[in-house]
Every structure is written in structure tokens, then in C-alpha cells.
Amino acid sequence: MSLGIFLMMGTPQIILIVVVVLLIFGGKKIPELMKGLGSGIKEFKDASKEDEATTDKKVEDNKK
């Protein structure tokens, strides 16, 4: 459902969203927000890889 909303968005809607974000946070805060978002995504990926490795090890231990 939410993917359909993004598919229906055009250039004017995206520009409007960017302008609203700039008005709310200001130009100086945007890089800080993106840096925080990027580090959060990186931590999530690392945690999911670690969890996957732990799961794989448990499966190998059960086979022995």
C-alpha cells in the first residue's frame, strides 16, 4: 500500500516535500540528519549480518 503512494508521487510533490523539510530543519541541519540516518542504517545492516552469522552457526552446530 505505501509503495503505491511513492509510485504516484511526481516531481512537484517531491519538490514540495524537500522545501518543507528545508523550512522545518534548515539547511545546516540536513547534513547532520543524513549522517545520523546513514550511521543508523549501517548499524542495522551490521546487526542483521551478525544475527545471520549466529543463526548459521547454530544450524551448523545442530547438524553435527
PDB file of N, CA and C in Angstrom:
ATOM      1  N   MET A   1       0.828  -1.197   0.000  1.00  0.00           N
ATOM      2  CA  MET A   1       0.000   0.000   0.000  1.00  0.00           C
ATOM      3  C   MET A   1       0.869   1.257   0.000  1.00  0.00           C
ATOM      4  N   SER A   2       1.848   1.324   0.902  1.00  0.00           N
ATOM      5  CA  SER A   2       2.669   2.531   0.996  1.00  0.00           C
ATOM      6  C   SER A   2       3.557   2.690  -0.228  1.00  0.00           C
ATOM      7  N   LEU A   3       3.940   1.588  -0.867  1.00  0.00           N
ATOM      8  CA  LEU A   3       4.746   1.673  -2.082  1.00  0.00           C
ATOM      9  C   LEU A   3       3.952   2.355  -3.190  1.00  0.00           C
ATOM     10  N   GLY A   4       2.670   2.137  -3.252  1.00  0.00           N
ATOM     11  CA  GLY A   4       1.822   2.770  -4.253  1.00  0.00           C
ATOM     12  C   GLY A   4       1.808   4.280  -4.119  1.00  0.00           C
ATOM     13  N   ILE A   5       1.890   4.767  -2.900  1.00  0.00           N
ATOM     14  CA  ILE A   5       1.924   6.210  -2.670  1.00  0.00           C
ATOM     15  C   ILE A   5       3.171   6.811  -3.290  1.00  0.00           C
ATOM     16  N   PHE A   6       4.318   6.125  -3.120  1.00  0.00           N
ATOM     17  CA  PHE A   6       5.563   6.641  -3.680  1.00  0.00           C
ATOM     18  C   PHE A   6       5.560   6.568  -5.195  1.00  0.00           C
ATOM     19  N   LEU A   7       4.890   5.576  -5.758  1.00  0.00           N
ATOM     20  CA  LEU A   7       4.829   5.468  -7.211  1.00  0.00           C
ATOM     21  C   LEU A   7       3.955   6.564  -7.811  1.00  0.00           C
ATOM     22  N   MET A   8       2.987   7.043  -7.048  1.00  0.00           N
ATOM     23  CA  MET A   8       2.082   8.075  -7.549  1.00  0.00           C
ATOM     24  C   MET A   8       2.666   9.481  -7.405  1.00  0.00           C
ATOM     25  N   MET A   9       3.762   9.612  -6.665  1.00  0.00           N
ATOM     26  CA  MET A   9       4.357  10.926  -6.457  1.00  0.00           C
ATOM     27  C   MET A   9       5.110  11.362  -7.704  1.00  0.00           C
ATOM     28  N   GLY A  10       4.935  12.616  -8.053  1.00  0.00           N
ATOM     29  CA  GLY A  10       5.645  13.171  -9.191  1.00  0.00           C
ATOM     30  C   GLY A  10       6.676  14.187  -8.732  1.00  0.00           C
ATOM     31  N   THR A  11       7.289  14.835  -9.690  1.00  0.00           N
ATOM     32  CA  THR A  11       8.319  15.829  -9.400  1.00  0.00           C
ATOM     33  C   THR A  11       7.799  16.979  -8.534  1.00  0.00           C
ATOM     34  N   PRO A  12       6.620  17.531  -8.812  1.00  0.00           N
ATOM     35  CA  PRO A  12       6.148  18.642  -7.967  1.00  0.00           C
ATOM     36  C   PRO A  12       5.961  18.237  -6.497  1.00  0.00           C
ATOM     37  N   GLN A  13       5.478  17.023  -6.256  1.00  0.00           N
ATOM     38  CA  GLN A  13       5.276  16.580  -4.888  1.00  0.00           C
ATOM     39  C   GLN A  13       6.620  16.399  -4.174  1.00  0.00           C
ATOM     40  N   ILE A  14       7.606  15.860  -4.866  1.00  0.00           N
ATOM     41  CA  ILE A  14       8.918  15.670  -4.269  1.00  0.00           C
ATOM     42  C   ILE A  14       9.559  17.015  -3.949  1.00  0.00           C
ATOM     43  N   ILE A  15       9.429  17.973  -4.859  1.00  0.00           N
ATOM     44  CA  ILE A  15       9.974  19.317  -4.625  1.00  0.00           C
ATOM     45  C   ILE A  15       9.299  19.951  -3.413  1.00  0.00           C
ATOM     46  N   LEU A  16       8.000  19.789  -3.300  1.00  0.00           N
ATOM     47  CA  LEU A  16       7.269  20.338  -2.160  1.00  0.00           C
ATOM     48  C   LEU A  16       7.760  19.725  -0.849  1.00  0.00           C
ATOM     49  N   ILE A  17       7.978  18.429  -0.827  1.00  0.00           N
ATOM     50  CA  ILE A  17       8.469  17.757   0.374  1.00  0.00           C
ATOM     51  C   ILE A  17       9.851  18.273   0.746  1.00  0.00           C
ATOM     52  N   VAL A  18      10.731  18.432  -0.236  1.00  0.00           N
ATOM     53  CA  VAL A  18      12.081  18.937   0.023  1.00  0.00           C
ATOM     54  C   VAL A  18      12.019  20.353   0.589  1.00  0.00           C
ATOM     55  N   VAL A  19      11.166  21.194   0.044  1.00  0.00           N
ATOM     56  CA  VAL A  19      11.036  22.570   0.528  1.00  0.00           C
ATOM     57  C   VAL A  19      10.531  22.586   1.967  1.00  0.00           C
ATOM     58  N   VAL A  20       9.545  21.750   2.272  1.00  0.00           N
ATOM     59  CA  VAL A  20       9.006  21.697   3.632  1.00  0.00           C
ATOM     60  C   VAL A  20      10.076  21.223   4.612  1.00  0.00           C
ATOM     61  N   VAL A  21      10.850  20.210   4.228  1.00  0.00           N
ATOM     62  CA  VAL A  21      11.927  19.721   5.099  1.00  0.00           C
ATOM     63  C   VAL A  21      12.954  20.815   5.327  1.00  0.00           C
ATOM     64  N   LEU A  22      13.314  21.553   4.276  1.00  0.00           N
ATOM     65  CA  LEU A  22      14.270  22.651   4.435  1.00  0.00           C
ATOM     66  C   LEU A  22      13.726  23.742   5.360  1.00  0.00           C
ATOM     67  N   LEU A  23      12.443  24.038   5.247  1.00  0.00           N
ATOM     68  CA  LEU A  23      11.845  25.056   6.111  1.00  0.00           C
ATOM     69  C   LEU A  23      11.815  24.593   7.572  1.00  0.00           C
ATOM     70  N   ILE A  24      11.550  23.327   7.797  1.00  0.00           N
ATOM     71  CA  ILE A  24      11.440  22.826   9.166  1.00  0.00           C
ATOM     72  C   ILE A  24      12.818  22.718   9.817  1.00  0.00           C
ATOM     73  N   PHE A  25      13.770  22.098   9.124  1.00  0.00           N
ATOM     74  CA  PHE A  25      15.062  21.815   9.738  1.00  0.00           C
ATOM     75  C   PHE A  25      16.140  22.828   9.406  1.00  0.00           C
ATOM     76  N   GLY A  26      16.018  23.538   8.325  1.00  0.00           N
ATOM     77  CA  GLY A  26      17.052  24.476   7.915  1.00  0.00           C
ATOM     78  C   GLY A  26      18.166  23.774   7.162  1.00  0.00           C
ATOM     79  N   GLY A  27      18.903  24.511   6.366  1.00  0.00           N
ATOM     80  CA  GLY A  27      19.932  23.936   5.515  1.00  0.00           C
ATOM     81  C   GLY A  27      21.113  23.356   6.272  1.00  0.00           C
ATOM     82  N   LYS A  28      21.406  23.886   7.449  1.00  0.00           N
ATOM     83  CA  LYS A  28      22.575  23.418   8.198  1.00  0.00           C
ATOM     84  C   LYS A  28      22.317  22.108   8.918  1.00  0.00           C
ATOM     85  N   LYS A  29      21.066  21.818   9.234  1.00  0.00           N
ATOM     86  CA  LYS A  29      20.733  20.601   9.976  1.00  0.00           C
ATOM     87  C   LYS A  29      20.622  19.381   9.069  1.00  0.00           C
ATOM     88  N   ILE A  30      20.353  19.566   7.796  1.00  0.00           N
ATOM     89  CA  ILE A  30      20.124  18.443   6.883  1.00  0.00           C
ATOM     90  C   ILE A  30      21.334  17.495   6.825  1.00  0.00           C
ATOM     91  N   PRO A  31      22.572  17.994   6.655  1.00  0.00           N
ATOM     92  CA  PRO A  31      23.708  17.051   6.632  1.00  0.00           C
ATOM     93  C   PRO A  31      23.842  16.243   7.927  1.00  0.00           C
ATOM     94  N   GLU A  32      23.567  16.875   9.058  1.00  0.00           N
ATOM     95  CA  GLU A  32      23.632  16.166  10.334  1.00  0.00           C
ATOM     96  C   GLU A  32      22.579  15.075  10.400  1.00  0.00           C
ATOM     97  N   LEU A  33      21.372  15.388   9.923  1.00  0.00           N
ATOM     98  CA  LEU A  33      20.306  14.392   9.924  1.00  0.00           C
ATOM     99  C   LEU A  33      20.646  13.220   9.014  1.00  0.00           C
ATOM    100  N   MET A  34      21.203  13.509   7.838  1.00  0.00           N
ATOM    101  CA  MET A  34      21.556  12.447   6.895  1.00  0.00           C
ATOM    102  C   MET A  34      22.701  11.588   7.432  1.00  0.00           C
ATOM    103  N   LYS A  35      23.642  12.219   8.133  1.00  0.00           N
ATOM    104  CA  LYS A  35      24.748  11.465   8.735  1.00  0.00           C
ATOM    105  C   LYS A  35      24.203  10.506   9.791  1.00  0.00           C
ATOM    106  N   GLY A  36      23.292  10.988  10.610  1.00  0.00           N
ATOM    107  CA  GLY A  36      22.674  10.131  11.620  1.00  0.00           C
ATOM    108  C   GLY A  36      21.875   9.003  11.001  1.00  0.00           C
ATOM    109  N   LEU A  37      21.156   9.301   9.939  1.00  0.00           N
ATOM    110  CA  LEU A  37      20.384   8.275   9.242  1.00  0.00           C
ATOM    111  C   LEU A  37      21.307   7.224   8.641  1.00  0.00           C
ATOM    112  N   GLY A  38      22.399   7.672   8.030  1.00  0.00           N
ATOM    113  CA  GLY A  38      23.361   6.748   7.427  1.00  0.00           C
ATOM    114  C   GLY A  38      24.007   5.839   8.460  1.00  0.00           C
ATOM    115  N   SER A  39      24.384   6.400   9.598  1.00  0.00           N
ATOM    116  CA  SER A  39      25.004   5.571  10.637  1.00  0.00           C
ATOM    117  C   SER A  39      23.985   4.595  11.223  1.00  0.00           C
ATOM    118  N   GLY A  40      22.747   5.007  11.317  1.00  0.00           N
ATOM    119  CA  GLY A  40      21.702   4.100  11.800  1.00  0.00           C
ATOM    120  C   GLY A  40      21.484   2.931  10.854  1.00  0.00           C
ATOM    121  N   ILE A  41      21.479   3.206   9.552  1.00  0.00           N
ATOM    122  CA  ILE A  41      21.315   2.152   8.561  1.00  0.00           C
ATOM    123  C   ILE A  41      22.507   1.201   8.602  1.00  0.00           C
ATOM    124  N   LYS A  42      23.716   1.759   8.757  1.00  0.00           N
ATOM    125  CA  LYS A  42      24.918   0.928   8.818  1.00  0.00           C
ATOM    126  C   LYS A  42      24.875   0.010  10.035  1.00  0.00           C
ATOM    127  N   GLU A  43      24.472   0.539  11.185  1.00  0.00           N
ATOM    128  CA  GLU A  43      24.371  -0.280  12.390  1.00  0.00           C
ATOM    129  C   GLU A  43      23.332  -1.374  12.214  1.00  0.00           C
ATOM    130  N   PHE A  44      22.223  -1.055  11.572  1.00  0.00           N
ATOM    131  CA  PHE A  44      21.178  -2.052  11.332  1.00  0.00           C
ATOM    132  C   PHE A  44      21.693  -3.179  10.444  1.00  0.00           C
ATOM    133  N   LYS A  45      22.421  -2.820   9.370  1.00  0.00           N
ATOM    134  CA  LYS A  45      22.976  -3.835   8.468  1.00  0.00           C
ATOM    135  C   LYS A  45      23.983  -4.712   9.202  1.00  0.00           C
ATOM    136  N   ASP A  46      24.856  -4.092  10.003  1.00  0.00           N
ATOM    137  CA  ASP A  46      25.850  -4.852  10.751  1.00  0.00           C
ATOM    138  C   ASP A  46      25.181  -5.819  11.729  1.00  0.00           C
ATOM    139  N   ALA A  47      24.135  -5.347  12.409  1.00  0.00           N
ATOM    140  CA  ALA A  47      23.430  -6.196  13.367  1.00  0.00           C
ATOM    141  C   ALA A  47      22.728  -7.347  12.659  1.00  0.00           C
ATOM    142  N   SER A  48      22.160  -7.090  11.503  1.00  0.00           N
ATOM    143  CA  SER A  48      21.472  -8.168  10.785  1.00  0.00           C
ATOM    144  C   SER A  48      22.470  -9.190  10.256  1.00  0.00           C
ATOM    145  N   LYS A  49      23.660  -8.736   9.827  1.00  0.00           N
ATOM    146  CA  LYS A  49      24.691  -9.675   9.378  1.00  0.00           C
ATOM    147  C   LYS A  49      25.178 -10.516  10.556  1.00  0.00           C
ATOM    148  N   GLU A  50      25.354  -9.881  11.706  1.00  0.00           N
ATOM    149  CA  GLU A  50      25.808 -10.589  12.898  1.00  0.00           C
ATOM    150  C   GLU A  50      24.772 -11.624  13.317  1.00  0.00           C
ATOM    151  N   ASP A  51      23.502 -11.257  13.269  1.00  0.00           N
ATOM    152  CA  ASP A  51      22.428 -12.177  13.625  1.00  0.00           C
ATOM    153  C   ASP A  51      22.380 -13.350  12.640  1.00  0.00           C
ATOM    154  N   GLU A  52      22.581 -13.059  11.366  1.00  0.00           N
ATOM    155  CA  GLU A  52      22.576 -14.107  10.351  1.00  0.00           C
ATOM    156  C   GLU A  52      23.732 -15.076  10.569  1.00  0.00           C
ATOM    157  N   ALA A  53      24.907 -14.553  10.915  1.00  0.00           N
ATOM    158  CA  ALA A  53      26.067 -15.407  11.172  1.00  0.00           C
ATOM    159  C   ALA A  53      25.828 -16.289  12.397  1.00  0.00           C
ATOM    160  N   THR A  54      25.198 -15.740  13.420  1.00  0.00           N
ATOM    161  CA  THR A  54      24.879 -16.502  14.619  1.00  0.00           C
ATOM    162  C   THR A  54      23.884 -17.610  14.299  1.00  0.00           C
ATOM    163  N   THR A  55      22.890 -17.304  13.501  1.00  0.00           N
ATOM    164  CA  THR A  55      21.894 -18.295  13.099  1.00  0.00           C
ATOM    165  C   THR A  55      22.541 -19.403  12.275  1.00  0.00           C
ATOM    166  N   ASP A  56      23.425 -19.033  11.346  1.00  0.00           N
ATOM    167  CA  ASP A  56      24.116 -20.024  10.529  1.00  0.00           C
ATOM    168  C   ASP A  56      24.973 -20.942  11.392  1.00  0.00           C
ATOM    169  N   LYS A  57      25.634 -20.381  12.404  1.00  0.00           N
ATOM    170  CA  LYS A  57      26.482 -21.183  13.284  1.00  0.00           C
ATOM    171  C   LYS A  57      25.632 -22.166  14.092  1.00  0.00           C
ATOM    172  N   LYS A  58      24.455 -21.722  14.559  1.00  0.00           N
ATOM    173  CA  LYS A  58      23.568 -22.604  15.307  1.00  0.00           C
ATOM    174  C   LYS A  58      23.095 -23.762  14.431  1.00  0.00           C
ATOM    175  N   VAL A  59      22.803 -23.491  13.172  1.00  0.00           N
ATOM    176  CA  VAL A  59      22.354 -24.523  12.252  1.00  0.00           C
ATOM    177  C   VAL A  59      23.469 -25.526  12.021  1.00  0.00           C
ATOM    178  N   GLU A  60      24.727 -25.067  11.850  1.00  0.00           N
ATOM    179  CA  GLU A  60      25.861 -25.955  11.656  1.00  0.00           C
ATOM    180  C   GLU A  60      26.094 -26.813  12.904  1.00  0.00           C
ATOM    181  N   ASP A  61      25.944 -26.222  14.087  1.00  0.00           N
ATOM    182  CA  ASP A  61      26.136 -26.971  15.331  1.00  0.00           C
ATOM    183  C   ASP A  61      25.081 -28.070  15.483  1.00  0.00           C
ATOM    184  N   ASN A  62      23.859 -27.790  15.044  1.00  0.00           N
ATOM    185  CA  ASN A  62      22.783 -28.770  15.143  1.00  0.00           C
ATOM    186  C   ASN A  62      22.983 -29.935  14.180  1.00  0.00           C
ATOM    187  N   LYS A  63      23.672 -29.699  13.062  1.00  0.00           N
ATOM    188  CA  LYS A  63      23.904 -30.749  12.079  1.00  0.00           C
ATOM    189  C   LYS A  63      24.938 -31.753  12.567  1.00  0.00           C
ATOM    190  N   LYS A  64      25.835 -31.321  13.452  1.00  0.00           N
ATOM    191  CA  LYS A  64      26.917 -32.197  13.930  1.00  0.00           C
ATOM    192  C   LYS A  64      26.454 -33.168  14.938  1.00  0.00           C
TER     193      LYS A  64
END
